[in-house]
Amino acid sequence: MKVIVDYDRCEANAVCMQISPEVFKLNEDDTLDVLIEEPGEALRAKVLEAVRRCPRQAIAVKE
């Protein structure tokens, strides 16, 4: 699984970071970093929840 962020859509709401801080980090300048581009199975549920709950639908995963 690979995490893909559409930075043109991302508004840095930090919902993903609240759900999965191991994978997502919001910087002080309101930009999003993906800390683990290919998270393992242990983080799958959290990442998929972040994808589902993103207000701008800016996050996707590719298998």
N, C-alpha and C. Protein backbone atom coordinates (compact mmCIF):
# COMPACT_ATOMS: atom_id res chain seq x y z
N MET A 1 0.85 -1.18 0.00
CA MET A 1 0.00 0.00 0.00
C MET A 1 0.89 1.24 0.00
N LYS A 2 0.59 2.16 -0.90
CA LYS A 2 1.33 3.42 -0.98
C LYS A 2 0.36 4.58 -0.75
N VAL A 3 0.76 5.53 0.09
CA VAL A 3 -0.06 6.70 0.39
C VAL A 3 0.20 7.78 -0.65
N ILE A 4 -0.87 8.31 -1.21
CA ILE A 4 -0.77 9.36 -2.22
C ILE A 4 -1.59 10.56 -1.74
N VAL A 5 -0.97 11.74 -1.74
CA VAL A 5 -1.66 12.96 -1.33
C VAL A 5 -1.74 13.91 -2.52
N ASP A 6 -2.93 14.41 -2.79
CA ASP A 6 -3.12 15.44 -3.80
C ASP A 6 -2.97 16.79 -3.09
N TYR A 7 -1.77 17.34 -3.17
CA TYR A 7 -1.47 18.57 -2.43
C TYR A 7 -2.26 19.78 -2.95
N ASP A 8 -2.79 19.70 -4.17
CA ASP A 8 -3.64 20.78 -4.69
C ASP A 8 -4.99 20.81 -3.97
N ARG A 9 -5.43 19.64 -3.48
CA ARG A 9 -6.71 19.55 -2.78
C ARG A 9 -6.56 19.68 -1.26
N CYS A 10 -5.39 19.33 -0.75
CA CYS A 10 -5.17 19.30 0.70
C CYS A 10 -5.25 20.71 1.29
N GLU A 11 -6.07 20.83 2.35
CA GLU A 11 -6.21 22.11 3.05
C GLU A 11 -5.54 22.08 4.41
N ALA A 12 -4.79 21.04 4.69
CA ALA A 12 -4.06 20.90 5.95
C ALA A 12 -4.98 21.00 7.16
N ASN A 13 -6.08 20.27 7.11
CA ASN A 13 -7.03 20.25 8.21
C ASN A 13 -6.54 19.40 9.39
N ALA A 14 -5.55 18.58 9.17
CA ALA A 14 -4.91 17.73 10.18
C ALA A 14 -5.79 16.58 10.66
N VAL A 15 -6.87 16.30 9.97
CA VAL A 15 -7.70 15.16 10.35
C VAL A 15 -6.88 13.88 10.23
N CYS A 16 -6.14 13.75 9.15
CA CYS A 16 -5.32 12.55 8.94
C CYS A 16 -4.26 12.40 10.03
N MET A 17 -3.67 13.50 10.45
CA MET A 17 -2.65 13.45 11.49
C MET A 17 -3.25 13.02 12.82
N GLN A 18 -4.46 13.44 13.10
CA GLN A 18 -5.12 13.04 14.34
C GLN A 18 -5.41 11.54 14.34
N ILE A 19 -5.72 11.00 13.18
CA ILE A 19 -6.04 9.58 13.05
C ILE A 19 -4.78 8.73 13.02
N SER A 20 -3.79 9.17 12.28
CA SER A 20 -2.58 8.37 12.08
C SER A 20 -1.32 9.24 12.14
N PRO A 21 -0.92 9.66 13.35
CA PRO A 21 0.26 10.51 13.47
C PRO A 21 1.57 9.80 13.10
N GLU A 22 1.51 8.47 13.01
CA GLU A 22 2.69 7.73 12.58
C GLU A 22 2.99 7.95 11.09
N VAL A 23 1.94 8.27 10.34
CA VAL A 23 2.06 8.39 8.88
C VAL A 23 2.00 9.84 8.40
N PHE A 24 1.20 10.67 9.05
CA PHE A 24 0.99 12.04 8.59
C PHE A 24 1.47 13.06 9.63
N LYS A 25 2.05 14.14 9.14
CA LYS A 25 2.50 15.21 10.03
C LYS A 25 2.18 16.55 9.39
N LEU A 26 1.54 17.43 10.15
CA LEU A 26 1.26 18.78 9.70
C LEU A 26 2.36 19.69 10.21
N ASN A 27 3.00 20.40 9.32
CA ASN A 27 4.09 21.29 9.68
C ASN A 27 3.57 22.65 10.14
N GLU A 28 4.44 23.41 10.76
CA GLU A 28 4.05 24.73 11.26
C GLU A 28 3.59 25.67 10.16
N ASP A 29 4.07 25.45 8.93
CA ASP A 29 3.66 26.30 7.81
C ASP A 29 2.42 25.75 7.09
N ASP A 30 1.68 24.86 7.79
CA ASP A 30 0.44 24.27 7.26
C ASP A 30 0.64 23.47 5.98
N THR A 31 1.74 22.76 5.91
CA THR A 31 1.95 21.81 4.82
C THR A 31 1.97 20.41 5.42
N LEU A 32 1.50 19.45 4.66
CA LEU A 32 1.41 18.08 5.13
C LEU A 32 2.60 17.28 4.63
N ASP A 33 3.19 16.50 5.54
CA ASP A 33 4.24 15.56 5.18
C ASP A 33 3.72 14.15 5.39
N VAL A 34 4.09 13.26 4.48
CA VAL A 34 3.81 11.85 4.65
C VAL A 34 5.09 11.25 5.21
N LEU A 35 5.05 10.78 6.43
CA LEU A 35 6.23 10.27 7.11
C LEU A 35 6.60 8.86 6.65
N ILE A 36 5.59 8.06 6.32
CA ILE A 36 5.80 6.70 5.84
C ILE A 36 4.98 6.54 4.56
N GLU A 37 5.64 6.58 3.42
CA GLU A 37 4.91 6.50 2.14
C GLU A 37 4.31 5.12 1.90
N GLU A 38 4.94 4.09 2.43
CA GLU A 38 4.43 2.73 2.27
C GLU A 38 4.28 2.07 3.63
N PRO A 39 3.24 2.45 4.37
CA PRO A 39 3.04 1.88 5.70
C PRO A 39 2.70 0.40 5.62
N GLY A 40 3.07 -0.31 6.65
CA GLY A 40 2.81 -1.75 6.70
C GLY A 40 1.38 -2.07 7.09
N GLU A 41 1.11 -3.36 7.17
CA GLU A 41 -0.24 -3.84 7.49
C GLU A 41 -0.73 -3.36 8.85
N ALA A 42 0.18 -3.15 9.78
CA ALA A 42 -0.21 -2.72 11.12
C ALA A 42 -0.88 -1.35 11.11
N LEU A 43 -0.58 -0.53 10.10
CA LEU A 43 -1.15 0.82 10.01
C LEU A 43 -2.28 0.92 8.98
N ARG A 44 -2.59 -0.16 8.31
CA ARG A 44 -3.58 -0.14 7.23
C ARG A 44 -4.92 0.45 7.68
N ALA A 45 -5.45 0.00 8.78
CA ALA A 45 -6.77 0.47 9.23
C ALA A 45 -6.77 1.97 9.49
N LYS A 46 -5.72 2.46 10.13
CA LYS A 46 -5.63 3.89 10.42
C LYS A 46 -5.52 4.71 9.13
N VAL A 47 -4.70 4.25 8.20
CA VAL A 47 -4.52 4.98 6.94
C VAL A 47 -5.83 5.01 6.16
N LEU A 48 -6.51 3.87 6.10
CA LEU A 48 -7.78 3.84 5.36
C LEU A 48 -8.84 4.72 6.02
N GLU A 49 -8.81 4.81 7.34
CA GLU A 49 -9.73 5.72 8.02
C GLU A 49 -9.38 7.17 7.69
N ALA A 50 -8.10 7.49 7.64
CA ALA A 50 -7.67 8.85 7.27
C ALA A 50 -8.13 9.19 5.85
N VAL A 51 -8.01 8.23 4.95
CA VAL A 51 -8.49 8.44 3.57
C VAL A 51 -9.98 8.73 3.57
N ARG A 52 -10.73 7.93 4.31
CA ARG A 52 -12.19 8.05 4.34
C ARG A 52 -12.64 9.37 4.98
N ARG A 53 -11.92 9.83 5.99
CA ARG A 53 -12.36 11.01 6.74
C ARG A 53 -11.75 12.32 6.27
N CYS A 54 -10.88 12.29 5.29
CA CYS A 54 -10.28 13.53 4.78
C CYS A 54 -11.38 14.44 4.22
N PRO A 55 -11.51 15.66 4.76
CA PRO A 55 -12.59 16.54 4.32
C PRO A 55 -12.53 16.91 2.84
N ARG A 56 -11.33 16.94 2.27
CA ARG A 56 -11.18 17.33 0.86
C ARG A 56 -10.90 16.15 -0.05
N GLN A 57 -10.94 14.94 0.50
CA GLN A 57 -10.66 13.72 -0.27
C GLN A 57 -9.32 13.85 -1.01
N ALA A 58 -8.33 14.34 -0.28
CA ALA A 58 -7.01 14.59 -0.87
C ALA A 58 -6.05 13.42 -0.70
N ILE A 59 -6.46 12.40 0.06
CA ILE A 59 -5.58 11.25 0.32
C ILE A 59 -6.15 10.02 -0.36
N ALA A 60 -5.25 9.24 -0.94
CA ALA A 60 -5.64 7.97 -1.55
C ALA A 60 -4.56 6.94 -1.26
N VAL A 61 -4.88 5.69 -1.47
CA VAL A 61 -3.88 4.64 -1.36
C VAL A 61 -3.87 3.84 -2.66
N LYS A 62 -2.70 3.38 -3.00
CA LYS A 62 -2.52 2.54 -4.17
C LYS A 62 -1.97 1.21 -3.70
N GLU A 63 -2.60 0.14 -4.08
CA GLU A 63 -2.15 -1.20 -3.66
C GLU A 63 -1.02 -1.68 -4.53
